[in-house]
């Protein structure tokens, strides 16, 4: 109960402190003397906010290693052509397992301008570069392209009798060859 009374008294003192500030500002306007205004404000004491016990706050400990900014290599790693091709090879392999007999996954590379390449193999040529080996209208070709200028369409293709067993799609990532 005493704490409530103390709080009420301090709130009343704060209100009177605000009124004192207003009076001091009026004096400042009336007399244009800062010294007199400050003397008028000294007569009123503002409450001691530090007298109240504040709750203790404990912040969790954070590993300083987690606060280090990523290196340029770490920031760009997810953007590399090798990451794109690893994910694509993994997706095609998993997809192949789920397809019924008589069909297979195929990849169609759609280049800027609408050129469509039936993909036989994809290779990482540089950080962002991709080599596409395949055919355009049945004619063999190789295309070097930035990964941002290629759209890769994965679709299901029926297996024709001369293609038995299933045709594999080749990947060369970081110099290592694999098939999906």
Foldseek 3Di string as FASTA:
>chain_A
DVVVVVVVVLVVLQVVLVVQLVVLVVCCVVVVDNVVSVVSSVVRDHDDPVVDDDDDDDDDDDDVVVVDDDDPCVVCVCVFPLVVVVVVQVVQVVVQVVDDPQKHKWKWKQFPVGQIFGFQEWERDDRQKIWGWGDGVNHTDIDIDGNVGIDIDIDMDGQDVVCPPPRWRWYQHPNDIDTD
